[in-house]
Amino acid sequence: MADAPDVHAVESEDDYIHVRFRDPDRYDEIRTPDWAENPAESVSAGSEVRTGKLEGEDDWEVTSVLLPKTVGEEKAEEQAREIVAKIES
């Protein structure tokens, strides 16, 4: 995985706060991998990690983290950074 990315957007959607790190449109494929559940849940229960794969590449990058809306946007950004740091370290 690449270096930890900067946050590009924080958006409230339905039941989640969506913290975007990378533009999902640049990826050939997007997944919510099972292996990312443990680091995500260890920071915030109910959170999910989405990863993307560039066409012709083997590596997957974190594109975004979804956290429960009850966390609040400011705390969601902080927790999303913590989750990405755990995954990309």
PDB file of N, CA and C in Angstrom:
ATOM      1  N   MET A   1       0.829  -1.179   0.000  1.00  0.00           N
ATOM      2  CA  MET A   1       0.000   0.000   0.000  1.00  0.00           C
ATOM      3  C   MET A   1       0.880   1.252   0.000  1.00  0.00           C
ATOM      4  N   ALA A   2       0.317   2.322  -0.472  1.00  0.00           N
ATOM      5  CA  ALA A   2       1.049   3.578  -0.595  1.00  0.00           C
ATOM      6  C   ALA A   2       1.094   4.333   0.734  1.00  0.00           C
ATOM      7  N   ASP A   3       1.773   5.497   0.739  1.00  0.00           N
ATOM      8  CA  ASP A   3       1.825   6.339   1.938  1.00  0.00           C
ATOM      9  C   ASP A   3       0.414   6.756   2.344  1.00  0.00           C
ATOM     10  N   ALA A   4       0.243   7.035   3.639  1.00  0.00           N
ATOM     11  CA  ALA A   4      -1.066   7.448   4.141  1.00  0.00           C
ATOM     12  C   ALA A   4      -1.523   8.706   3.408  1.00  0.00           C
ATOM     13  N   PRO A   5      -2.718   8.675   2.859  1.00  0.00           N
ATOM     14  CA  PRO A   5      -3.227   9.805   2.070  1.00  0.00           C
ATOM     15  C   PRO A   5      -3.849  10.896   2.941  1.00  0.00           C
ATOM     16  N   ASP A   6      -4.059  12.057   2.328  1.00  0.00           N
ATOM     17  CA  ASP A   6      -4.766  13.156   2.977  1.00  0.00           C
ATOM     18  C   ASP A   6      -6.265  12.948   2.795  1.00  0.00           C
ATOM     19  N   VAL A   7      -7.048  13.518   3.680  1.00  0.00           N
ATOM     20  CA  VAL A   7      -8.502  13.469   3.556  1.00  0.00           C
ATOM     21  C   VAL A   7      -8.913  14.469   2.470  1.00  0.00           C
ATOM     22  N   HIS A   8      -9.735  13.997   1.516  1.00  0.00           N
ATOM     23  CA  HIS A   8     -10.208  14.867   0.437  1.00  0.00           C
ATOM     24  C   HIS A   8     -11.628  15.368   0.674  1.00  0.00           C
ATOM     25  N   ALA A   9     -12.427  14.575   1.415  1.00  0.00           N
ATOM     26  CA  ALA A   9     -13.807  14.992   1.674  1.00  0.00           C
ATOM     27  C   ALA A   9     -14.372  14.214   2.847  1.00  0.00           C
ATOM     28  N   VAL A  10     -15.282  14.858   3.560  1.00  0.00           N
ATOM     29  CA  VAL A  10     -16.027  14.211   4.637  1.00  0.00           C
ATOM     30  C   VAL A  10     -17.495  14.518   4.358  1.00  0.00           C
ATOM     31  N   GLU A  11     -18.281  13.467   4.106  1.00  0.00           N
ATOM     32  CA  GLU A  11     -19.676  13.642   3.722  1.00  0.00           C
ATOM     33  C   GLU A  11     -20.579  12.746   4.562  1.00  0.00           C
ATOM     34  N   SER A  12     -21.698  13.277   5.008  1.00  0.00           N
ATOM     35  CA  SER A  12     -22.697  12.475   5.714  1.00  0.00           C
ATOM     36  C   SER A  12     -23.647  11.878   4.688  1.00  0.00           C
ATOM     37  N   GLU A  13     -23.822  10.556   4.750  1.00  0.00           N
ATOM     38  CA  GLU A  13     -24.713   9.857   3.831  1.00  0.00           C
ATOM     39  C   GLU A  13     -25.488   8.802   4.609  1.00  0.00           C
ATOM     40  N   ASP A  14     -26.793   8.830   4.560  1.00  0.00           N
ATOM     41  CA  ASP A  14     -27.650   7.851   5.223  1.00  0.00           C
ATOM     42  C   ASP A  14     -27.189   7.581   6.657  1.00  0.00           C
ATOM     43  N   ASP A  15     -26.701   6.380   6.922  1.00  0.00           N
ATOM     44  CA  ASP A  15     -26.294   5.990   8.274  1.00  0.00           C
ATOM     45  C   ASP A  15     -24.809   6.186   8.533  1.00  0.00           C
ATOM     46  N   TYR A  16     -24.065   6.632   7.530  1.00  0.00           N
ATOM     47  CA  TYR A  16     -22.607   6.726   7.638  1.00  0.00           C
ATOM     48  C   TYR A  16     -22.076   8.131   7.398  1.00  0.00           C
ATOM     49  N   ILE A  17     -20.871   8.341   7.923  1.00  0.00           N
ATOM     50  CA  ILE A  17     -20.058   9.490   7.535  1.00  0.00           C
ATOM     51  C   ILE A  17     -18.967   8.902   6.660  1.00  0.00           C
ATOM     52  N   HIS A  18     -18.889   9.379   5.442  1.00  0.00           N
ATOM     53  CA  HIS A  18     -17.974   8.854   4.434  1.00  0.00           C
ATOM     54  C   HIS A  18     -16.736   9.755   4.378  1.00  0.00           C
ATOM     55  N   VAL A  19     -15.597   9.236   4.821  1.00  0.00           N
ATOM     56  CA  VAL A  19     -14.344   9.985   4.799  1.00  0.00           C
ATOM     57  C   VAL A  19     -13.555   9.493   3.590  1.00  0.00           C
ATOM     58  N   ARG A  20     -13.445  10.370   2.580  1.00  0.00           N
ATOM     59  CA  ARG A  20     -12.771   9.997   1.320  1.00  0.00           C
ATOM     60  C   ARG A  20     -11.302  10.427   1.351  1.00  0.00           C
ATOM     61  N   PHE A  21     -10.448   9.486   0.977  1.00  0.00           N
ATOM     62  CA  PHE A  21      -9.019   9.747   0.903  1.00  0.00           C
ATOM     63  C   PHE A  21      -8.548   9.868  -0.546  1.00  0.00           C
ATOM     64  N   ARG A  22      -9.151   9.099  -1.420  1.00  0.00           N
ATOM     65  CA  ARG A  22      -8.768   9.097  -2.838  1.00  0.00           C
ATOM     66  C   ARG A  22     -10.028   9.058  -3.691  1.00  0.00           C
ATOM     67  N   ASP A  23      -9.935   9.574  -4.912  1.00  0.00           N
ATOM     68  CA  ASP A  23     -11.059   9.627  -5.833  1.00  0.00           C
ATOM     69  C   ASP A  23     -11.407   8.213  -6.306  1.00  0.00           C
ATOM     70  N   PRO A  24     -12.609   7.734  -6.013  1.00  0.00           N
ATOM     71  CA  PRO A  24     -12.969   6.372  -6.414  1.00  0.00           C
ATOM     72  C   PRO A  24     -13.054   6.187  -7.926  1.00  0.00           C
ATOM     73  N   ASP A  25     -13.238   7.264  -8.672  1.00  0.00           N
ATOM     74  CA  ASP A  25     -13.365   7.160 -10.129  1.00  0.00           C
ATOM     75  C   ASP A  25     -12.073   6.735 -10.816  1.00  0.00           C
ATOM     76  N   ARG A  26     -10.936   6.847 -10.118  1.00  0.00           N
ATOM     77  CA  ARG A  26      -9.672   6.492 -10.756  1.00  0.00           C
ATOM     78  C   ARG A  26      -9.375   4.994 -10.688  1.00  0.00           C
ATOM     79  N   TYR A  27     -10.226   4.246  -9.987  1.00  0.00           N
ATOM     80  CA  TYR A  27      -9.974   2.826  -9.788  1.00  0.00           C
ATOM     81  C   TYR A  27     -10.801   1.951 -10.713  1.00  0.00           C
ATOM     82  N   ASP A  28     -10.176   0.856 -11.116  1.00  0.00           N
ATOM     83  CA  ASP A  28     -10.808  -0.129 -11.973  1.00  0.00           C
ATOM     84  C   ASP A  28     -11.797  -0.977 -11.171  1.00  0.00           C
ATOM     85  N   GLU A  29     -11.485  -1.167  -9.895  1.00  0.00           N
ATOM     86  CA  GLU A  29     -12.301  -2.022  -9.035  1.00  0.00           C
ATOM     87  C   GLU A  29     -12.266  -1.472  -7.609  1.00  0.00           C
ATOM     88  N   ILE A  30     -13.416  -1.515  -6.923  1.00  0.00           N
ATOM     89  CA  ILE A  30     -13.526  -1.069  -5.522  1.00  0.00           C
ATOM     90  C   ILE A  30     -14.105  -2.240  -4.724  1.00  0.00           C
ATOM     91  N   ARG A  31     -13.535  -2.470  -3.528  1.00  0.00           N
ATOM     92  CA  ARG A  31     -14.035  -3.537  -2.659  1.00  0.00           C
ATOM     93  C   ARG A  31     -14.078  -3.074  -1.212  1.00  0.00           C
ATOM     94  N   THR A  32     -14.871  -3.779  -0.418  1.00  0.00           N
ATOM     95  CA  THR A  32     -14.883  -3.632   1.031  1.00  0.00           C
ATOM     96  C   THR A  32     -14.339  -4.956   1.563  1.00  0.00           C
ATOM     97  N   PRO A  33     -13.013  -5.057   1.730  1.00  0.00           N
ATOM     98  CA  PRO A  33     -12.401  -6.346   2.064  1.00  0.00           C
ATOM     99  C   PRO A  33     -12.650  -6.789   3.505  1.00  0.00           C
ATOM    100  N   ASP A  34     -12.822  -8.097   3.672  1.00  0.00           N
ATOM    101  CA  ASP A  34     -13.024  -8.669   5.004  1.00  0.00           C
ATOM    102  C   ASP A  34     -11.819  -8.431   5.909  1.00  0.00           C
ATOM    103  N   TRP A  35     -10.599  -8.468   5.345  1.00  0.00           N
ATOM    104  CA  TRP A  35      -9.392  -8.330   6.165  1.00  0.00           C
ATOM    105  C   TRP A  35      -9.291  -6.957   6.825  1.00  0.00           C
ATOM    106  N   ALA A  36      -9.982  -5.964   6.289  1.00  0.00           N
ATOM    107  CA  ALA A  36      -9.917  -4.614   6.854  1.00  0.00           C
ATOM    108  C   ALA A  36     -10.899  -4.428   8.015  1.00  0.00           C
ATOM    109  N   GLU A  37     -11.735  -5.423   8.253  1.00  0.00           N
ATOM    110  CA  GLU A  37     -12.728  -5.306   9.316  1.00  0.00           C
ATOM    111  C   GLU A  37     -12.073  -5.188  10.695  1.00  0.00           C
ATOM    112  N   ASN A  38     -11.047  -5.981  10.967  1.00  0.00           N
ATOM    113  CA  ASN A  38     -10.408  -5.944  12.289  1.00  0.00           C
ATOM    114  C   ASN A  38      -9.783  -4.594  12.615  1.00  0.00           C
ATOM    115  N   PRO A  39      -8.935  -4.019  11.747  1.00  0.00           N
ATOM    116  CA  PRO A  39      -8.383  -2.705  12.100  1.00  0.00           C
ATOM    117  C   PRO A  39      -9.462  -1.619  12.181  1.00  0.00           C
ATOM    118  N   ALA A  40     -10.485  -1.711  11.337  1.00  0.00           N
ATOM    119  CA  ALA A  40     -11.558  -0.710  11.367  1.00  0.00           C
ATOM    120  C   ALA A  40     -12.359  -0.818  12.659  1.00  0.00           C
ATOM    121  N   GLU A  41     -12.758  -2.020  13.003  1.00  0.00           N
ATOM    122  CA  GLU A  41     -13.564  -2.242  14.210  1.00  0.00           C
ATOM    123  C   GLU A  41     -12.779  -1.940  15.483  1.00  0.00           C
ATOM    124  N   SER A  42     -11.446  -2.092  15.434  1.00  0.00           N
ATOM    125  CA  SER A  42     -10.642  -1.825  16.624  1.00  0.00           C
ATOM    126  C   SER A  42     -10.621  -0.330  16.960  1.00  0.00           C
ATOM    127  N   VAL A  43     -10.924   0.506  15.986  1.00  0.00           N
ATOM    128  CA  VAL A  43     -10.957   1.955  16.204  1.00  0.00           C
ATOM    129  C   VAL A  43     -12.389   2.437  16.421  1.00  0.00           C
ATOM    130  N   SER A  44     -13.319   1.959  15.601  1.00  0.00           N
ATOM    131  CA  SER A  44     -14.703   2.422  15.676  1.00  0.00           C
ATOM    132  C   SER A  44     -15.649   1.298  15.266  1.00  0.00           C
ATOM    133  N   ALA A  45     -16.450   0.818  16.196  1.00  0.00           N
ATOM    134  CA  ALA A  45     -17.405  -0.257  15.912  1.00  0.00           C
ATOM    135  C   ALA A  45     -18.373   0.164  14.807  1.00  0.00           C
ATOM    136  N   GLY A  46     -18.590  -0.740  13.871  1.00  0.00           N
ATOM    137  CA  GLY A  46     -19.514  -0.466  12.770  1.00  0.00           C
ATOM    138  C   GLY A  46     -18.902   0.239  11.581  1.00  0.00           C
ATOM    139  N   SER A  47     -17.588   0.461  11.602  1.00  0.00           N
ATOM    140  CA  SER A  47     -16.942   1.152  10.480  1.00  0.00           C
ATOM    141  C   SER A  47     -16.534   0.158   9.392  1.00  0.00           C
ATOM    142  N   GLU A  48     -16.363   0.665   8.176  1.00  0.00           N
ATOM    143  CA  GLU A  48     -15.976  -0.137   7.025  1.00  0.00           C
ATOM    144  C   GLU A  48     -14.890   0.589   6.245  1.00  0.00           C
ATOM    145  N   VAL A  49     -14.052  -0.192   5.573  1.00  0.00           N
ATOM    146  CA  VAL A  49     -12.980   0.361   4.749  1.00  0.00           C
ATOM    147  C   VAL A  49     -13.231  -0.062   3.308  1.00  0.00           C
ATOM    148  N   ARG A  50     -13.107   0.874   2.398  1.00  0.00           N
ATOM    149  CA  ARG A  50     -13.193   0.562   0.963  1.00  0.00           C
ATOM    150  C   ARG A  50     -11.813   0.728   0.358  1.00  0.00           C
ATOM    151  N   THR A  51     -11.458  -0.229  -0.486  1.00  0.00           N
ATOM    152  CA  THR A  51     -10.164  -0.182  -1.156  1.00  0.00           C
ATOM    153  C   THR A  51     -10.379  -0.207  -2.663  1.00  0.00           C
ATOM    154  N   GLY A  52      -9.406   0.349  -3.386  1.00  0.00           N
ATOM    155  CA  GLY A  52      -9.486   0.382  -4.836  1.00  0.00           C
ATOM    156  C   GLY A  52      -8.211  -0.134  -5.468  1.00  0.00           C
ATOM    157  N   LYS A  53      -8.360  -0.683  -6.670  1.00  0.00           N
ATOM    158  CA  LYS A  53      -7.228  -1.215  -7.419  1.00  0.00           C
ATOM    159  C   LYS A  53      -7.173  -0.516  -8.776  1.00  0.00           C
ATOM    160  N   LEU A  54      -5.994   0.050  -9.076  1.00  0.00           N
ATOM    161  CA  LEU A  54      -5.793   0.698 -10.367  1.00  0.00           C
ATOM    162  C   LEU A  54      -5.640  -0.370 -11.446  1.00  0.00           C
ATOM    163  N   GLU A  55      -6.126  -0.089 -12.632  1.00  0.00           N
ATOM    164  CA  GLU A  55      -6.009  -1.039 -13.736  1.00  0.00           C
ATOM    165  C   GLU A  55      -4.543  -1.354 -14.002  1.00  0.00           C
ATOM    166  N   GLY A  56      -4.233  -2.641 -14.099  1.00  0.00           N
ATOM    167  CA  GLY A  56      -2.868  -3.078 -14.392  1.00  0.00           C
ATOM    168  C   GLY A  56      -1.957  -3.141 -13.178  1.00  0.00           C
ATOM    169  N   GLU A  57      -2.467  -2.803 -11.994  1.00  0.00           N
ATOM    170  CA  GLU A  57      -1.672  -2.829 -10.764  1.00  0.00           C
ATOM    171  C   GLU A  57      -2.103  -4.014  -9.900  1.00  0.00           C
ATOM    172  N   ASP A  58      -1.197  -4.457  -9.020  1.00  0.00           N
ATOM    173  CA  ASP A  58      -1.523  -5.544  -8.097  1.00  0.00           C
ATOM    174  C   ASP A  58      -1.936  -5.038  -6.723  1.00  0.00           C
ATOM    175  N   ASP A  59      -1.500  -3.835  -6.359  1.00  0.00           N
ATOM    176  CA  ASP A  59      -1.755  -3.294  -5.019  1.00  0.00           C
ATOM    177  C   ASP A  59      -3.128  -2.638  -4.914  1.00  0.00           C
ATOM    178  N   TRP A  60      -3.679  -2.737  -3.719  1.00  0.00           N
ATOM    179  CA  TRP A  60      -4.941  -2.080  -3.387  1.00  0.00           C
ATOM    180  C   TRP A  60      -4.641  -0.912  -2.465  1.00  0.00           C
ATOM    181  N   GLU A  61      -5.384   0.192  -2.621  1.00  0.00           N
ATOM    182  CA  GLU A  61      -5.216   1.383  -1.796  1.00  0.00           C
ATOM    183  C   GLU A  61      -6.533   1.679  -1.081  1.00  0.00           C
ATOM    184  N   VAL A  62      -6.435   2.228   0.126  1.00  0.00           N
ATOM    185  CA  VAL A  62      -7.644   2.658   0.827  1.00  0.00           C
ATOM    186  C   VAL A  62      -8.205   3.870   0.091  1.00  0.00           C
ATOM    187  N   THR A  63      -9.466   3.774  -0.314  1.00  0.00           N
ATOM    188  CA  THR A  63     -10.105   4.909  -0.986  1.00  0.00           C
ATOM    189  C   THR A  63     -10.939   5.722  -0.003  1.00  0.00           C
ATOM    190  N   SER A  64     -11.587   5.006   0.944  1.00  0.00           N
ATOM    191  CA  SER A  64     -12.426   5.710   1.914  1.00  0.00           C
ATOM    192  C   SER A  64     -12.714   4.829   3.126  1.00  0.00           C
ATOM    193  N   VAL A  65     -13.179   5.491   4.175  1.00  0.00           N
ATOM    194  CA  VAL A  65     -13.604   4.817   5.400  1.00  0.00           C
ATOM    195  C   VAL A  65     -15.009   5.324   5.715  1.00  0.00           C
ATOM    196  N   LEU A  66     -15.907   4.398   6.020  1.00  0.00           N
ATOM    197  CA  LEU A  66     -17.262   4.740   6.415  1.00  0.00           C
ATOM    198  C   LEU A  66     -17.394   4.484   7.906  1.00  0.00           C
ATOM    199  N   LEU A  67     -17.859   5.492   8.626  1.00  0.00           N
ATOM    200  CA  LEU A  67     -18.038   5.380  10.073  1.00  0.00           C
ATOM    201  C   LEU A  67     -19.490   5.686  10.411  1.00  0.00           C
ATOM    202  N   PRO A  68     -19.999   5.092  11.505  1.00  0.00           N
ATOM    203  CA  PRO A  68     -21.385   5.374  11.898  1.00  0.00           C
ATOM    204  C   PRO A  68     -21.619   6.869  12.090  1.00  0.00           C
ATOM    205  N   LYS A  69     -22.771   7.321  11.666  1.00  0.00           N
ATOM    206  CA  LYS A  69     -23.105   8.745  11.731  1.00  0.00           C
ATOM    207  C   LYS A  69     -23.083   9.278  13.158  1.00  0.00           C
ATOM    208  N   THR A  70     -23.289   8.406  14.134  1.00  0.00           N
ATOM    209  CA  THR A  70     -23.318   8.818  15.538  1.00  0.00           C
ATOM    210  C   THR A  70     -21.959   9.320  16.023  1.00  0.00           C
ATOM    211  N   VAL A  71     -20.889   9.036  15.279  1.00  0.00           N
ATOM    212  CA  VAL A  71     -19.534   9.458  15.658  1.00  0.00           C
ATOM    213  C   VAL A  71     -19.374  10.973  15.530  1.00  0.00           C
ATOM    214  N   GLY A  72     -20.019  11.563  14.543  1.00  0.00           N
ATOM    215  CA  GLY A  72     -19.860  12.993  14.261  1.00  0.00           C
ATOM    216  C   GLY A  72     -18.727  13.207  13.266  1.00  0.00           C
ATOM    217  N   GLU A  73     -18.845  14.239  12.417  1.00  0.00           N
ATOM    218  CA  GLU A  73     -17.889  14.439  11.317  1.00  0.00           C
ATOM    219  C   GLU A  73     -16.458  14.685  11.779  1.00  0.00           C
ATOM    220  N   GLU A  74     -16.270  15.506  12.808  1.00  0.00           N
ATOM    221  CA  GLU A  74     -14.909  15.819  13.250  1.00  0.00           C
ATOM    222  C   GLU A  74     -14.208  14.571  13.794  1.00  0.00           C
ATOM    223  N   LYS A  75     -14.898  13.831  14.625  1.00  0.00           N
ATOM    224  CA  LYS A  75     -14.316  12.619  15.196  1.00  0.00           C
ATOM    225  C   LYS A  75     -14.172  11.536  14.121  1.00  0.00           C
ATOM    226  N   ALA A  76     -15.077  11.511  13.149  1.00  0.00           N
ATOM    227  CA  ALA A  76     -15.008  10.527  12.068  1.00  0.00           C
ATOM    228  C   ALA A  76     -13.718  10.697  11.266  1.00  0.00           C
ATOM    229  N   GLU A  77     -13.352  11.936  10.981  1.00  0.00           N
ATOM    230  CA  GLU A  77     -12.113  12.186  10.235  1.00  0.00           C
ATOM    231  C   GLU A  77     -10.901  11.687  11.024  1.00  0.00           C
ATOM    232  N   GLU A  78     -10.877  11.976  12.314  1.00  0.00           N
ATOM    233  CA  GLU A  78      -9.779  11.539  13.179  1.00  0.00           C
ATOM    234  C   GLU A  78      -9.704  10.002  13.236  1.00  0.00           C
ATOM    235  N   GLN A  79     -10.846   9.355  13.406  1.00  0.00           N
ATOM    236  CA  GLN A  79     -10.867   7.902  13.484  1.00  0.00           C
ATOM    237  C   GLN A  79     -10.519   7.259  12.145  1.00  0.00           C
ATOM    238  N   ALA A  80     -10.954   7.861  11.051  1.00  0.00           N
ATOM    239  CA  ALA A  80     -10.627   7.330   9.725  1.00  0.00           C
ATOM    240  C   ALA A  80      -9.120   7.376   9.493  1.00  0.00           C
ATOM    241  N   ARG A  81      -8.474   8.465   9.894  1.00  0.00           N
ATOM    242  CA  ARG A  81      -7.015   8.560   9.767  1.00  0.00           C
ATOM    243  C   ARG A  81      -6.324   7.468  10.583  1.00  0.00           C
ATOM    244  N   GLU A  82      -6.847   7.198  11.775  1.00  0.00           N
ATOM    245  CA  GLU A  82      -6.280   6.171  12.636  1.00  0.00           C
ATOM    246  C   GLU A  82      -6.422   4.782  11.995  1.00  0.00           C
ATOM    247  N   ILE A  83      -7.574   4.516  11.398  1.00  0.00           N
ATOM    248  CA  ILE A  83      -7.803   3.243  10.725  1.00  0.00           C
ATOM    249  C   ILE A  83      -6.837   3.075   9.556  1.00  0.00           C
ATOM    250  N   VAL A  84      -6.702   4.118   8.744  1.00  0.00           N
ATOM    251  CA  VAL A  84      -5.785   4.050   7.589  1.00  0.00           C
ATOM    252  C   VAL A  84      -4.356   3.857   8.053  1.00  0.00           C
ATOM    253  N   ALA A  85      -3.959   4.513   9.124  1.00  0.00           N
ATOM    254  CA  ALA A  85      -2.609   4.354   9.646  1.00  0.00           C
ATOM    255  C   ALA A  85      -2.357   2.909  10.071  1.00  0.00           C
ATOM    256  N   LYS A  86      -3.331   2.268  10.682  1.00  0.00           N
ATOM    257  CA  LYS A  86      -3.195   0.869  11.080  1.00  0.00           C
ATOM    258  C   LYS A  86      -3.053  -0.035   9.853  1.00  0.00           C
ATOM    259  N   ILE A  87      -3.819   0.225   8.834  1.00  0.00           N
ATOM    260  CA  ILE A  87      -3.803  -0.605   7.627  1.00  0.00           C
ATOM    261  C   ILE A  87      -2.531  -0.395   6.826  1.00  0.00           C
ATOM    262  N   GLU A  88      -2.108   0.837   6.683  1.00  0.00           N
ATOM    263  CA  GLU A  88      -0.982   1.140   5.795  1.00  0.00           C
ATOM    264  C   GLU A  88       0.371   1.168   6.496  1.00  0.00           C
ATOM    265  N   SER A  89       0.406   0.769   7.753  1.00  0.00           N
ATOM    266  CA  SER A  89       1.707   0.743   8.448  1.00  0.00           C
ATOM    267  C   SER A  89       2.416  -0.581   8.241  1.00  0.00           C
TER     268      SER A  89
END
